[in-house]
C-alpha cells in the first residue's frame, strides 16, 4: 500500500484560522495564540470520563452503514488529552494502539479504548507524530524543549532511540523518516540567542549520529514545512512557495522551484513523481529534475484540497465538492463524483481506506464529520458527526480494522 499524505483544508478557497495557527505558529507562537482560544476550547470540549454510547443497531461491516442509512454507532468513545491543530500527523494508529498528540501523550488500546501508556510532556504541540518503517518507532520532538529528538516503541511507550543535533541549534523537529534516517529542521542560534536561518539535517535512525546537515536559504522558515521521502529523494514544501528536493545520502539540493500558490497542506509522492495541489491545478513533477509530467484542472473558481494516495489511487476533493479518484502515474481520471455536492456535504481533506470504503475527515461543519464513501464509485454512504460543536478539525486514522475519528478531545472508534 502506498502511503498517503493528507492534512490541511481550505474552505471555499479561504484558509481557516485554525490552519494558520497549526502551520505558521510553531511551538512558541502556538502557545501565545492559544491563550486566546483556551476559554472557547474549555467551553466547547465535552470532557469527562470516556463513555460508549448505546448503539442504534448492530454495527455493520465494511462501512455499509445501518439499515436506515445512518452512520454506525462508535464501538467506543473516550475523552483524551489531545492538543491538535488539524494536521493528519497528529493522530496515528499502529501496533494495536491509537495515539493523539497531546500532553500527556497517551496510547489507547485500539479495540477497547483502555489506556496502554501515558507520557507526560511527550509531544510538542503542533509537531508531527512520525512513524518509522513498519511502524516500529514513533519519533517525536522532545516535549522538554531540550533539543532532543526521541524515538519510542508505540506499543509500550518505552524510549528506544535518542539524538541531539547540537547546542547551536534550537527546537529540532522531525519532518520525515525512512528506513535509515530521521530528517529534522532546526533553527540556527546566533550569539545573542536569536535566529535568522535554519538547518535541515539527517540523523541515523540506528545510532542517532548526524549523517549530514545543510543550511537552508536566508528567509526560509522552520515552521510550515511538509516533507516526504521517496527512495533517494527528500521532498518538502514551505510557506515561501518553495518546492525543494534533496539527495537523502548527502543532503545536497537536487532542484528547487517556486510553486504558483502557497502550499498550506501536504502533497504526495508516488514512484518518481511529486504531486502538489496548486489552487485550481493539481500538478505532478518528476522527482529527478522538477519537470512537469501532468496536470489536472478543477472547475473555475474552485481549488483543490490535499491529496492522498491509497492502494495506488490518488483521492482528492475540491472546494466545489467534487471528489476525484486519479491514476497517479498519468493523472487520468478513475472516477469523478458529485455525491458530496448532491448531499450538501462538507469537503473532506484527509482520507484513509478500509476494504471498499474510503473515509474522509472534514473541518467543522454541520454537514461534515467523517464521510464513508464507496472507494470504487465515490458514492456517499453515510456521515458520522458527534454533534459536539467543537471547533477543531476532524482527524482520521486506521489500523486496518477500525477507523479512529478524533474531534477536539473526543476520540471515537468506528467499525471498519
Protein backbone atom coordinates (compact mmCIF):
# COMPACT_ATOMS: atom_id res chain seq x y z
CA UNK A 1 0.00 0.00 0.00
CA UNK A 2 1.34 3.40 -0.89
CA UNK A 3 1.43 5.79 1.99
CA UNK A 4 -0.88 8.76 1.69
CA UNK A 5 -0.22 12.23 3.00
CA UNK A 6 -3.14 14.42 3.84
CA UNK A 7 -3.72 17.42 6.02
CA UNK A 8 -4.97 20.96 5.96
CA UNK A 9 -8.13 22.07 4.22
CA UNK A 10 -9.14 25.36 2.67
CA UNK A 11 -12.84 26.11 2.87
CA UNK A 12 -14.20 27.77 -0.27
CA UNK A 13 -10.72 28.99 -1.17
CA UNK A 14 -10.20 30.51 2.28
CA UNK A 15 -7.57 29.26 4.72
CA UNK A 16 -9.08 28.64 8.15
CA UNK A 17 -7.82 30.46 11.23
CA UNK A 18 -7.13 27.11 12.86
CA UNK A 19 -4.99 26.01 9.92
CA UNK A 20 -2.83 29.14 10.14
CA UNK A 21 -2.38 28.51 13.87
CA UNK A 22 -1.26 24.96 13.17
CA UNK A 23 1.13 25.71 10.36
CA UNK A 24 2.57 29.13 10.98
CA UNK A 25 2.80 29.24 14.73
CA UNK A 26 5.38 26.74 15.84
CA UNK A 27 5.52 25.80 19.49
CA UNK A 28 6.10 29.28 20.94
CA UNK A 29 3.67 31.13 18.69
CA UNK A 30 1.00 28.47 19.16
CA UNK A 31 1.25 28.82 22.93
CA UNK A 32 0.87 32.57 22.66
CA UNK A 33 -2.07 32.48 20.28
CA UNK A 34 -3.62 29.53 22.07
CA UNK A 35 -4.19 31.63 25.17
CA UNK A 36 -6.93 33.48 23.33
CA UNK A 37 -8.63 30.22 22.39
CA UNK A 38 -8.41 28.40 25.70
CA UNK A 39 -11.67 29.65 27.12
CA UNK A 40 -13.52 28.72 23.95
CA UNK A 41 -11.97 25.26 23.87
CA UNK A 42 -12.77 24.56 27.51
CA UNK A 43 -16.35 25.63 26.96
CA UNK A 44 -16.87 23.53 23.85
CA UNK A 45 -14.99 20.38 24.82
CA UNK A 46 -17.27 17.79 26.37
CA UNK A 47 -14.60 16.48 28.76
CA UNK A 48 -15.38 13.97 31.48
CA UNK A 49 -14.80 10.25 31.63
CA UNK A 50 -14.80 8.14 28.50
CA UNK A 51 -18.07 6.55 27.53
CA UNK A 52 -19.54 4.19 24.99
CA UNK A 53 -22.88 5.41 23.60
CA UNK A 54 -25.67 2.87 23.15
CA UNK A 55 -25.70 1.52 19.59
CA UNK A 56 -28.57 2.43 17.28
CA UNK A 57 -28.46 -1.02 15.75
CA UNK A 58 -25.85 -3.72 15.35
CA UNK A 59 -22.82 -2.13 13.68
CA UNK A 60 -22.46 -3.30 10.07
CA UNK A 61 -19.21 -4.32 8.44
CA UNK A 62 -17.28 -2.79 5.55
CA UNK A 63 -18.61 0.73 6.07
CA UNK A 64 -22.09 -0.03 4.72
CA UNK A 65 -23.97 1.93 7.38
CA UNK A 66 -27.12 0.92 9.26
CA UNK A 67 -30.33 -0.23 7.60
CA UNK A 68 -31.73 3.30 7.82
CA UNK A 69 -28.66 4.69 6.05
CA UNK A 70 -27.18 6.33 9.14
CA UNK A 71 -23.63 6.06 10.41
CA UNK A 72 -22.88 3.07 12.65
CA UNK A 73 -22.56 3.74 16.36
CA UNK A 74 -18.98 4.03 17.67
CA UNK A 75 -17.51 0.90 19.20
CA UNK A 76 -16.20 3.18 21.93
CA UNK A 77 -15.72 6.87 22.67
CA UNK A 78 -13.09 8.29 25.02
CA UNK A 79 -12.10 11.71 26.27
CA UNK A 80 -8.42 12.39 25.58
CA UNK A 81 -5.67 14.90 26.32
CA UNK A 82 -5.45 15.77 22.62
CA UNK A 83 -3.93 19.13 21.63
CA UNK A 84 -4.27 19.20 17.85
CA UNK A 85 -4.25 21.87 15.16
CA UNK A 86 -5.71 19.99 12.22
CA UNK A 87 -2.81 18.11 10.64
CA UNK A 88 -3.17 14.41 9.86
CA UNK A 89 0.18 13.56 11.51
CA UNK A 90 -1.31 14.41 14.92
CA UNK A 91 -3.25 11.12 15.07
CA UNK A 92 -1.68 7.70 14.38
CA UNK A 93 -2.81 4.09 14.76
CA UNK A 94 -0.17 1.39 14.91
CA UNK A 95 0.75 -1.80 16.76
CA UNK A 96 -2.65 -2.16 18.42
CA UNK A 97 -2.83 1.39 19.80
CA UNK A 98 -4.12 4.79 18.70
CA UNK A 99 -2.21 7.93 19.74
CA UNK A 100 -3.28 11.57 19.52
CA UNK A 101 -0.85 14.44 20.01
CA UNK A 102 -1.32 15.89 23.48
CA UNK A 103 0.03 16.32 26.99
CA UNK A 104 0.27 13.78 28.40
CA UNK A 105 0.83 11.76 25.25
CA UNK A 106 -1.42 8.74 25.70
CA UNK A 107 -1.77 5.49 23.76
CA UNK A 108 -5.22 3.87 23.85
CA UNK A 109 -5.95 0.26 23.03
CA UNK A 110 -7.49 0.19 19.57
CA UNK A 111 -10.02 -2.50 20.44
CA UNK A 112 -11.25 -1.22 23.83
CA UNK A 113 -10.10 2.38 24.28
CA UNK A 114 -8.31 1.47 27.52
CA UNK A 115 -5.11 3.42 28.19
CA UNK A 116 -1.96 1.41 27.44
CA UNK A 117 0.60 4.01 28.45
CA UNK A 118 1.00 7.72 29.09
CA UNK A 119 3.96 10.05 28.69
CA UNK A 120 3.81 13.48 30.41
CA UNK A 121 5.14 16.23 28.15
CA UNK A 122 5.70 13.71 25.40
CA UNK A 123 4.67 15.76 22.37
CA UNK A 124 5.34 19.34 21.31
CA UNK A 125 2.02 20.98 20.35
CA UNK A 126 1.85 21.25 16.57
CA UNK A 127 4.81 18.94 15.93
CA UNK A 128 4.15 15.73 13.97
CA UNK A 129 3.97 12.17 15.27
CA UNK A 130 6.20 10.33 12.80
CA UNK A 131 6.23 6.56 12.42
CA UNK A 132 9.37 4.79 11.23
CA UNK A 133 9.47 1.94 8.74
CA UNK A 134 6.94 -0.73 9.66
CA UNK A 135 5.62 1.42 12.49
CA UNK A 136 8.32 0.12 14.86
CA UNK A 137 9.28 3.55 16.21
CA UNK A 138 7.38 6.74 16.96
CA UNK A 139 9.64 9.79 16.53
CA UNK A 140 8.90 12.97 18.47
CA UNK A 141 10.43 16.36 19.14
CA UNK A 142 11.18 16.43 22.87
CA UNK A 143 8.37 17.95 24.91
CA UNK A 144 11.02 19.33 27.29
CA UNK A 145 12.33 21.63 24.51
CA UNK A 146 15.85 20.44 25.31
CA UNK A 147 17.00 19.89 21.71
CA UNK A 148 16.43 16.14 21.69
CA UNK A 149 14.58 14.06 19.14
CA UNK A 150 13.35 10.83 20.72
CA UNK A 151 12.04 7.51 19.44
CA UNK A 152 9.53 5.38 21.36
CA UNK A 153 8.07 1.91 20.92
CA UNK A 154 4.39 2.61 20.10
CA UNK A 155 3.04 -0.47 21.89
CA UNK A 156 4.79 0.21 25.21
CA UNK A 157 5.83 3.87 25.20
CA UNK A 158 9.41 2.90 26.11
CA UNK A 159 12.23 5.05 24.74
CA UNK A 160 14.25 3.19 22.12
CA UNK A 161 16.27 5.96 20.41
CA UNK A 162 17.55 9.45 21.11
CA UNK A 163 19.52 12.05 19.19
CA UNK A 164 20.71 15.61 19.79
CA UNK A 165 21.62 17.85 16.89
CA UNK A 166 23.81 20.18 18.95
CA UNK A 167 23.65 23.16 21.31
CA UNK A 168 23.96 25.61 18.41
CA UNK A 169 20.51 24.57 17.17
CA UNK A 170 17.09 25.20 18.70
CA UNK A 171 13.86 23.20 18.57
CA UNK A 172 14.77 20.44 16.12
CA UNK A 173 11.60 18.86 14.74
CA UNK A 174 11.38 15.65 12.74
CA UNK A 175 9.67 16.22 9.40
CA UNK A 176 10.19 12.89 7.61
CA UNK A 177 11.61 9.41 8.17
CA UNK A 178 12.67 6.48 6.01
CA UNK A 179 14.31 3.12 6.69
CA UNK A 180 17.68 4.55 7.68
CA UNK A 181 17.35 8.22 8.63
CA UNK A 182 15.23 10.73 10.51
CA UNK A 183 15.09 14.17 8.85
CA UNK A 184 14.80 17.25 11.07
CA UNK A 185 14.64 21.01 10.69
CA UNK A 186 16.02 23.29 13.42
CA UNK A 187 16.76 26.96 14.00
CA UNK A 188 20.41 28.06 13.90
CA UNK A 189 21.17 30.13 17.01
CA UNK A 190 23.00 33.45 16.78
CA UNK A 191 25.33 34.69 19.52
CA UNK A 192 22.54 36.81 21.03
CA UNK A 193 20.12 33.86 21.14
CA UNK A 194 18.11 34.96 18.11
CA UNK A 195 17.75 33.02 14.90
CA UNK A 196 17.53 34.15 11.27
CA UNK A 197 18.27 30.89 9.49
CA UNK A 198 17.56 27.20 9.87
CA UNK A 199 19.15 23.90 9.00
CA UNK A 200 17.83 20.64 7.58
CA UNK A 201 19.66 17.53 8.77
CA UNK A 202 19.58 13.74 8.64
CA UNK A 203 20.06 11.62 11.77
CA UNK A 204 20.92 7.94 11.59
CA UNK A 205 17.88 6.01 12.86
CA UNK A 206 20.08 3.27 14.36
CA UNK A 207 22.82 5.26 16.10
CA UNK A 208 21.33 8.76 16.35
CA UNK A 209 24.52 10.19 14.84
CA UNK A 210 24.41 13.09 12.40
CA UNK A 211 24.59 11.89 8.80
CA UNK A 212 24.57 15.36 7.18
CA UNK A 213 23.26 18.88 7.64
CA UNK A 214 22.62 21.70 5.17
CA UNK A 215 21.79 25.32 5.90
CA UNK A 216 18.63 26.49 4.17
CA UNK A 217 18.43 29.82 2.36
CA UNK A 218 18.01 33.07 4.28
CA UNK A 219 14.32 33.90 4.53
CA UNK A 220 13.10 30.32 4.74
CA UNK A 221 11.18 29.33 7.86
CA UNK A 222 11.34 26.38 10.23
CA UNK A 223 7.57 26.14 10.53
CA UNK A 224 5.01 25.31 7.86
CA UNK A 225 7.20 22.59 6.32
CA UNK A 226 5.69 19.39 4.93
CA UNK A 227 8.05 16.64 3.83
CA UNK A 228 8.14 13.15 2.35
CA UNK A 229 10.83 10.67 1.38
CA UNK A 230 10.87 8.56 -1.78
CA UNK A 231 13.98 6.47 -2.41
CA UNK A 232 16.96 8.80 -2.77
CA UNK A 233 14.83 11.95 -2.66
CA UNK A 234 13.73 14.08 0.30
CA UNK A 235 10.93 16.40 -0.83
CA UNK A 236 9.44 19.33 1.06
CA UNK A 237 7.31 22.46 0.70
CA UNK A 238 7.07 25.57 2.86
CA UNK A 239 5.22 28.86 3.34
CA UNK A 240 7.56 30.67 0.96
CA UNK A 241 6.15 28.83 -2.10
CA UNK A 242 9.22 26.60 -2.35
CA UNK A 243 9.15 23.02 -3.62
CA UNK A 244 12.56 21.51 -2.88
CA UNK A 245 14.17 18.11 -3.47
CA UNK A 246 17.39 16.96 -1.77
CA UNK A 247 19.54 13.86 -2.05
CA UNK A 248 18.94 11.69 1.03
CA UNK A 249 22.54 10.40 1.01
CA UNK A 250 24.28 13.78 1.01
CA UNK A 251 21.68 16.45 1.72
CA UNK A 252 22.68 18.31 -1.44
CA UNK A 253 19.88 20.10 -3.24
CA UNK A 254 18.80 18.32 -6.42
CA UNK A 255 16.44 21.09 -7.50
CA UNK A 256 14.04 23.69 -6.17
CA UNK A 257 11.36 25.81 -7.77
CA UNK A 258 8.65 28.23 -6.80
CA UNK A 259 5.10 26.96 -6.66
CA UNK A 260 2.32 29.13 -8.04
CA UNK A 261 0.39 29.01 -4.78
CA UNK A 262 1.42 28.79 -1.15
CA UNK A 263 1.10 25.17 -0.03
CA UNK A 264 -0.62 25.11 3.36
CA UNK A 265 -1.03 21.34 3.39
CA UNK A 266 0.71 18.11 2.46
CA UNK A 267 1.43 16.79 -1.01
CA UNK A 268 2.04 13.19 -2.12
CA UNK A 269 4.88 11.28 -3.74
CA UNK A 270 4.36 8.26 -5.96
CA UNK A 271 7.17 6.32 -7.63
CA UNK A 272 9.17 9.00 -9.47
CA UNK A 273 6.65 11.85 -9.09
CA UNK A 274 5.75 14.51 -6.54
CA UNK A 275 2.14 15.68 -6.85
CA UNK A 276 1.20 19.09 -5.44
CA UNK A 277 -2.18 20.90 -5.36
CA UNK A 278 -1.79 24.42 -6.73
CA UNK A 279 -5.12 26.18 -6.36
CA UNK A 280 -7.16 25.29 -9.41
CA UNK A 281 -4.47 22.92 -10.71
CA UNK A 282 -3.09 19.62 -9.46
CA UNK A 283 0.44 19.22 -10.82
CA UNK A 284 2.84 16.27 -11.00
CA UNK A 285 6.60 16.89 -11.26
CA UNK A 286 9.47 14.47 -11.89
CA UNK A 287 11.49 13.90 -8.72
CA UNK A 288 14.69 13.77 -10.74
CA UNK A 289 14.57 17.23 -12.32
CA UNK A 290 11.30 19.03 -11.48
CA UNK A 291 9.85 18.85 -14.98
CA UNK A 292 6.05 18.82 -15.14
CA UNK A 293 4.61 15.45 -16.18
CA UNK A 294 0.86 16.05 -15.98
CA UNK A 295 -1.75 18.36 -14.53
CA UNK A 296 -5.46 18.28 -13.77
CA UNK A 297 -7.66 21.38 -13.59
CA UNK A 298 -10.68 21.90 -11.38
CA UNK A 299 -13.68 23.99 -12.41
CA UNK A 300 -13.28 27.75 -12.49
CA UNK A 301 -13.21 29.43 -9.07
CA UNK A 302 -12.64 26.13 -7.27
CA UNK A 303 -9.45 24.98 -5.56
CA UNK A 304 -8.01 21.55 -4.87
CA UNK A 305 -7.64 20.32 -1.30
CA UNK A 306 -4.99 17.91 -0.05
CA UNK A 307 -4.37 14.66 -1.97
CA UNK A 308 -3.97 11.17 -0.54
CA UNK A 309 -2.64 8.04 -2.26
CA UNK A 310 -4.09 4.74 -1.05
CA UNK A 311 -3.69 1.42 -2.87
CA UNK A 312 -2.10 3.23 -5.85
CA UNK A 313 -5.09 5.54 -6.34
CA UNK A 314 -4.95 9.29 -5.69
CA UNK A 315 -8.05 10.70 -3.97
CA UNK A 316 -8.68 14.44 -3.87
CA UNK A 317 -11.63 16.78 -3.36
CA UNK A 318 -12.05 20.39 -4.42
CA UNK A 319 -13.90 23.36 -2.94
CA UNK A 320 -16.75 22.78 -5.41
CA UNK A 321 -17.44 19.49 -3.57
CA UNK A 322 -16.30 17.31 -6.44
CA UNK A 323 -14.41 14.19 -5.37
CA UNK A 324 -11.94 12.54 -7.76
CA UNK A 325 -10.05 9.28 -7.97
CA UNK A 326 -6.99 9.70 -10.20
CA UNK A 327 -4.32 7.37 -11.60
CA UNK A 328 -1.19 8.95 -10.05
CA UNK A 329 1.19 7.90 -12.81
CA UNK A 330 -0.73 9.66 -15.57
CA UNK A 331 -3.29 11.96 -13.97
CA UNK A 332 -6.08 10.12 -15.79
CA UNK A 333 -9.49 10.02 -14.12
CA UNK A 334 -10.56 6.76 -12.50
CA UNK A 335 -13.90 8.24 -11.41
CA UNK A 336 -15.39 11.61 -10.55
CA UNK A 337 -18.26 12.04 -8.09
CA UNK A 338 -20.67 14.85 -7.22
CA UNK A 339 -22.21 12.90 -4.32
CA UNK A 340 -20.89 15.40 -1.78
CA UNK A 341 -22.40 18.33 -3.66
CA UNK A 342 -25.71 16.47 -4.11
CA UNK A 343 -25.91 15.83 -0.37
CA UNK A 344 -24.74 19.32 0.62
CA UNK A 345 -21.88 17.65 2.49
CA UNK A 346 -18.66 19.29 3.63
CA UNK A 347 -15.48 18.61 1.66
CA UNK A 348 -13.04 16.06 3.16
CA UNK A 349 -9.35 16.96 3.43
CA UNK A 350 -7.89 13.71 4.80
CA UNK A 351 -8.56 10.11 3.76
CA UNK A 352 -7.98 6.56 4.97
CA UNK A 353 -9.29 3.36 3.42
CA UNK A 354 -10.53 0.10 4.92
CA UNK A 355 -11.73 -2.55 2.48
CA UNK A 356 -14.05 -1.00 -0.11
CA UNK A 357 -14.71 2.13 1.94
CA UNK A 358 -12.92 5.46 1.81
CA UNK A 359 -13.23 7.52 4.97
CA UNK A 360 -12.81 11.29 4.64
CA UNK A 361 -12.37 13.78 7.51
CA UNK A 362 -13.62 17.35 7.19
CA UNK A 363 -13.27 20.63 9.02
CA UNK A 364 -16.00 21.53 11.49
CA UNK A 365 -19.36 21.85 9.75
CA UNK A 366 -22.91 20.68 10.46
CA UNK A 367 -22.71 18.70 7.21
CA UNK A 368 -19.20 17.45 7.97
CA UNK A 369 -17.50 14.93 10.22
CA UNK A 370 -16.27 11.63 8.81
CA UNK A 371 -17.76 10.61 5.45
CA UNK A 372 -17.90 6.95 4.41
CA UNK A 373 -17.51 6.81 0.62
CA UNK A 374 -17.59 3.90 -1.81
CA UNK A 375 -13.94 3.70 -2.94
CA UNK A 376 -14.92 2.30 -6.34
CA UNK A 377 -17.59 4.84 -7.31
CA UNK A 378 -17.38 7.86 -5.00
CA UNK A 379 -20.94 7.33 -3.72
CA UNK A 380 -21.57 8.77 -0.25
CA UNK A 381 -22.71 6.03 2.15
CA UNK A 382 -23.07 7.92 5.43
CA UNK A 383 -21.57 10.68 7.59
CA UNK A 384 -20.61 10.36 11.26
CA UNK A 385 -20.77 13.53 13.37
CA UNK A 386 -20.70 13.65 17.18
CA UNK A 387 -22.80 16.86 17.21
CA UNK A 388 -20.48 18.36 19.83
CA UNK A 389 -19.96 21.66 18.02
CA UNK A 390 -16.25 21.55 18.82
CA UNK A 391 -14.30 23.96 16.60
CA UNK A 392 -11.43 21.54 15.86
CA UNK A 393 -10.98 19.78 12.53
CA UNK A 394 -11.79 16.09 12.35
CA UNK A 395 -8.83 13.71 12.06
CA UNK A 396 -8.91 10.06 10.99
CA UNK A 397 -6.52 7.11 11.26
CA UNK A 398 -6.90 3.38 10.81
CA UNK A 399 -5.29 0.17 11.97
CA UNK A 400 -6.90 -1.73 9.10
CA UNK A 401 -9.77 -2.94 11.29
CA UNK A 402 -11.15 0.20 12.92
CA UNK A 403 -11.39 3.82 11.86
CA UNK A 404 -10.43 6.26 14.61
CA UNK A 405 -12.07 9.67 14.41
CA UNK A 406 -10.72 12.47 16.61
CA UNK A 407 -12.76 15.63 17.13
CA UNK A 408 -11.31 18.04 19.67
CA UNK A 409 -10.73 15.90 22.75
CA UNK A 410 -13.20 13.15 21.84
CA UNK A 411 -11.81 10.02 20.16
CA UNK A 412 -14.30 7.64 18.52
CA UNK A 413 -13.60 4.13 17.25
CA UNK A 414 -15.80 3.29 14.26
CA UNK A 415 -16.09 -0.19 12.75
CA UNK A 416 -14.06 -0.51 9.57
